[in-house]
C-alpha atoms as a PDB file:
ATOM      1  CA  MET A   1      38.142 -16.754 215.229  1.00  0.00           C
ATOM      2  CA  ILE A   2      38.866 -18.830 212.121  1.00  0.00           C
ATOM      3  CA  GLU A   3      42.451 -18.704 210.869  1.00  0.00           C
ATOM      4  CA  ALA A   4      42.953 -17.992 207.152  1.00  0.00           C
ATOM      5  CA  ARG A   5      44.697 -20.753 205.238  1.00  0.00           C
ATOM      6  CA  SER A   6      46.307 -20.605 201.818  1.00  0.00           C
ATOM      7  CA  GLN A   7      44.144 -23.489 200.560  1.00  0.00           C
ATOM      8  CA  GLY A   8      40.948 -21.563 201.318  1.00  0.00           C
ATOM      9  CA  GLN A   9      38.355 -21.217 204.027  1.00  0.00           C
ATOM     10  CA  THR A  10      34.584 -21.205 203.586  1.00  0.00           C
ATOM     11  CA  LEU A  11      32.990 -18.260 205.402  1.00  0.00           C
ATOM     12  CA  LEU A  12      29.401 -18.726 204.225  1.00  0.00           C
ATOM     13  CA  SER A  13      28.087 -21.977 202.732  1.00  0.00           C
ATOM     14  CA  ALA A  14      24.903 -21.810 200.624  1.00  0.00           C
ATOM     15  CA  VAL A  15      23.248 -19.432 203.095  1.00  0.00           C
ATOM     16  CA  THR A  16      19.636 -18.400 202.611  1.00  0.00           C
ATOM     17  CA  THR A  17      19.358 -15.913 205.472  1.00  0.00           C
ATOM     18  CA  THR A  18      21.049 -12.586 206.155  1.00  0.00           C
ATOM     19  CA  GLY A  19      23.854 -12.335 208.680  1.00  0.00           C
ATOM     20  CA  ALA A  20      27.611 -12.347 209.138  1.00  0.00           C
ATOM     21  CA  SER A  21      30.043 -15.229 209.062  1.00  0.00           C
ATOM     22  CA  SER A  22      32.534 -15.947 211.793  1.00  0.00           C
ATOM     23  CA  GLU A  23      35.520 -13.646 211.619  1.00  0.00           C
ATOM     24  CA  ILE A  24      38.739 -14.795 210.003  1.00  0.00           C
ATOM     25  CA  ASP A  25      42.201 -13.626 211.059  1.00  0.00           C
ATOM     26  CA  LEU A  26      44.027 -11.928 208.182  1.00  0.00           C
ATOM     27  CA  SER A  27      46.600 -10.147 210.367  1.00  0.00           C
ATOM     28  CA  GLU A  28      49.596 -11.969 208.864  1.00  0.00           C
ATOM     29  CA  MET A  29      48.345 -11.841 205.283  1.00  0.00           C
ATOM     30  CA  THR A  30      49.267  -9.369 202.541  1.00  0.00           C
ATOM     31  CA  SER A  31      46.217 -10.069 200.378  1.00  0.00           C
ATOM     32  CA  ALA A  32      42.967 -11.980 200.500  1.00  0.00           C
ATOM     33  CA  THR A  33      40.683 -13.005 197.656  1.00  0.00           C
ATOM     34  CA  PHE A  34      37.027 -13.660 198.414  1.00  0.00           C
ATOM     35  CA  TYR A  35      35.024 -15.803 195.979  1.00  0.00           C
ATOM     36  CA  ILE A  36      31.282 -15.174 196.152  1.00  0.00           C
ATOM     37  CA  THR A  37      29.130 -17.803 194.454  1.00  0.00           C
ATOM     38  CA  ALA A  38      25.410 -17.164 194.059  1.00  0.00           C
ATOM     39  CA  ALA A  39      22.886 -19.787 192.940  1.00  0.00           C
ATOM     40  CA  SER A  40      19.147 -19.634 192.134  1.00  0.00           C
ATOM     41  CA  VAL A  41      19.185 -15.830 192.226  1.00  0.00           C
ATOM     42  CA  THR A  42      16.474 -13.939 190.340  1.00  0.00           C
ATOM     43  CA  SER A  43      16.124 -10.820 192.511  1.00  0.00           C
ATOM     44  CA  GLY A  44      19.356 -10.830 194.475  1.00  0.00           C
ATOM     45  CA  GLY A  45      21.036  -9.654 197.593  1.00  0.00           C
ATOM     46  CA  THR A  46      23.814  -7.500 199.008  1.00  0.00           C
ATOM     47  CA  LEU A  47      27.001  -9.030 200.347  1.00  0.00           C
ATOM     48  CA  SER A  48      29.739  -7.067 202.116  1.00  0.00           C
ATOM     49  CA  ILE A  49      33.305  -8.039 202.881  1.00  0.00           C
ATOM     50  CA  GLN A  50      33.936  -6.368 206.237  1.00  0.00           C
ATOM     51  CA  VAL A  51      37.076  -5.685 208.254  1.00  0.00           C
ATOM     52  CA  LYS A  52      37.316  -4.807 211.929  1.00  0.00           C
ATOM     53  CA  SER A  53      38.824  -1.500 213.005  1.00  0.00           C
ATOM     54  CA  PRO A  54      41.261  -1.307 215.937  1.00  0.00           C
ATOM     55  CA  ALA A  55      38.332   0.115 217.940  1.00  0.00           C
ATOM     56  CA  GLY A  56      36.382  -3.101 217.327  1.00  0.00           C
ATOM     57  CA  THR A  57      33.764  -1.812 214.885  1.00  0.00           C
ATOM     58  CA  TRP A  58      33.094  -3.487 211.541  1.00  0.00           C
ATOM     59  CA  PHE A  59      33.218  -1.486 208.317  1.00  0.00           C
ATOM     60  CA  ASN A  60      32.656  -2.455 204.685  1.00  0.00           C
ATOM     61  CA  ALA A  61      35.857  -2.937 202.695  1.00  0.00           C
ATOM     62  CA  ASP A  62      33.788  -3.949 199.651  1.00  0.00           C
ATOM     63  CA  THR A  63      30.067  -4.344 198.928  1.00  0.00           C
ATOM     64  CA  GLN A  64      28.621  -6.351 196.054  1.00  0.00           C
ATOM     65  CA  THR A  65      25.038  -6.266 194.820  1.00  0.00           C
ATOM     66  CA  ILE A  66      24.257  -9.742 193.498  1.00  0.00           C
ATOM     67  CA  SER A  67      21.487  -9.791 190.881  1.00  0.00           C
ATOM     68  CA  ALA A  68      22.050 -13.129 189.128  1.00  0.00           C
ATOM     69  CA  SER A  69      23.528 -16.570 189.699  1.00  0.00           C
ATOM     70  CA  GLY A  70      27.267 -16.859 189.152  1.00  0.00           C
ATOM     71  CA  GLY A  71      30.539 -15.807 190.667  1.00  0.00           C
ATOM     72  CA  THR A  72      32.075 -12.570 191.907  1.00  0.00           C
ATOM     73  CA  VAL A  73      35.661 -12.025 193.029  1.00  0.00           C
ATOM     74  CA  VAL A  74      36.778  -9.437 195.611  1.00  0.00           C
ATOM     75  CA  THR A  75      40.483  -8.940 196.375  1.00  0.00           C
ATOM     76  CA  LEU A  76      41.780  -6.955 199.342  1.00  0.00           C
ATOM     77  CA  ASN A  77      45.442  -5.949 199.481  1.00  0.00           C
ATOM     78  CA  GLY A  78      47.368  -4.716 202.502  1.00  0.00           C
ATOM     79  CA  ALA A  79      47.585  -5.592 206.160  1.00  0.00           C
ATOM     80  CA  PHE A  80      44.315  -6.443 207.890  1.00  0.00           C
ATOM     81  CA  GLY A  81      43.129  -7.914 211.129  1.00  0.00           C
ATOM     82  CA  PRO A  82      39.833  -9.754 211.404  1.00  0.00           C
ATOM     83  CA  ALA A  83      37.528  -9.907 208.376  1.00  0.00           C
ATOM     84  CA  ARG A  84      34.160 -11.507 207.657  1.00  0.00           C
ATOM     85  CA  ALA A  85      31.491 -11.884 204.982  1.00  0.00           C
ATOM     86  CA  ASN A  86      28.102 -10.356 205.748  1.00  0.00           C
ATOM     87  CA  LEU A  87      24.949 -10.960 203.707  1.00  0.00           C
ATOM     88  CA  THR A  88      23.135  -7.725 204.595  1.00  0.00           C
ATOM     89  CA  ALA A  89      20.120  -8.067 202.286  1.00  0.00           C
ATOM     90  CA  ARG A  90      18.569 -11.017 200.457  1.00  0.00           C
ATOM     91  CA  THR A  91      15.478 -11.602 198.372  1.00  0.00           C
ATOM     92  CA  ASP A  92      16.237 -15.062 196.972  1.00  0.00           C
ATOM     93  CA  GLY A  93      19.001 -17.502 196.107  1.00  0.00           C
ATOM     94  CA  THR A  94      21.887 -18.959 198.086  1.00  0.00           C
ATOM     95  CA  TYR A  95      25.293 -17.408 198.737  1.00  0.00           C
ATOM     96  CA  THR A  96      28.651 -19.047 199.388  1.00  0.00           C
ATOM     97  CA  VAL A  97      31.835 -17.125 200.241  1.00  0.00           C
ATOM     98  CA  GLU A  98      35.306 -18.636 200.279  1.00  0.00           C
ATOM     99  CA  VAL A  99      38.510 -16.766 201.093  1.00  0.00           C
ATOM    100  CA  PHE A 100      42.066 -17.505 199.973  1.00  0.00           C
ATOM    101  CA  ALA A 101      44.811 -15.464 201.627  1.00  0.00           C
ATOM    102  CA  LYS A 102      48.555 -15.211 201.185  1.00  0.00           C
ATOM    103  CA  LYS A 103      51.449 -13.885 203.232  1.00  0.00           C
END
């Protein structure tokens, strides 16, 4: 498990295939901001920020449909455990997700 750091952690880096990142530990954080950067997108994709339940199942805390190049910001507030970025659908382009968390 990757540990969240205040200076940022890259979860996905210019990915071109669907799938989830490694999980990041947000258990000691009060908020986390995820920066989604899309490049060379003409059709798009779907990217979810997921958190793990105490039972160990992943659920979507936020889902973004990306239809153009550019940036999207997702902020989660509250106490969390593990989280990850998951590109669940993709037609074209590349996707990068960075997270910045604070205590």
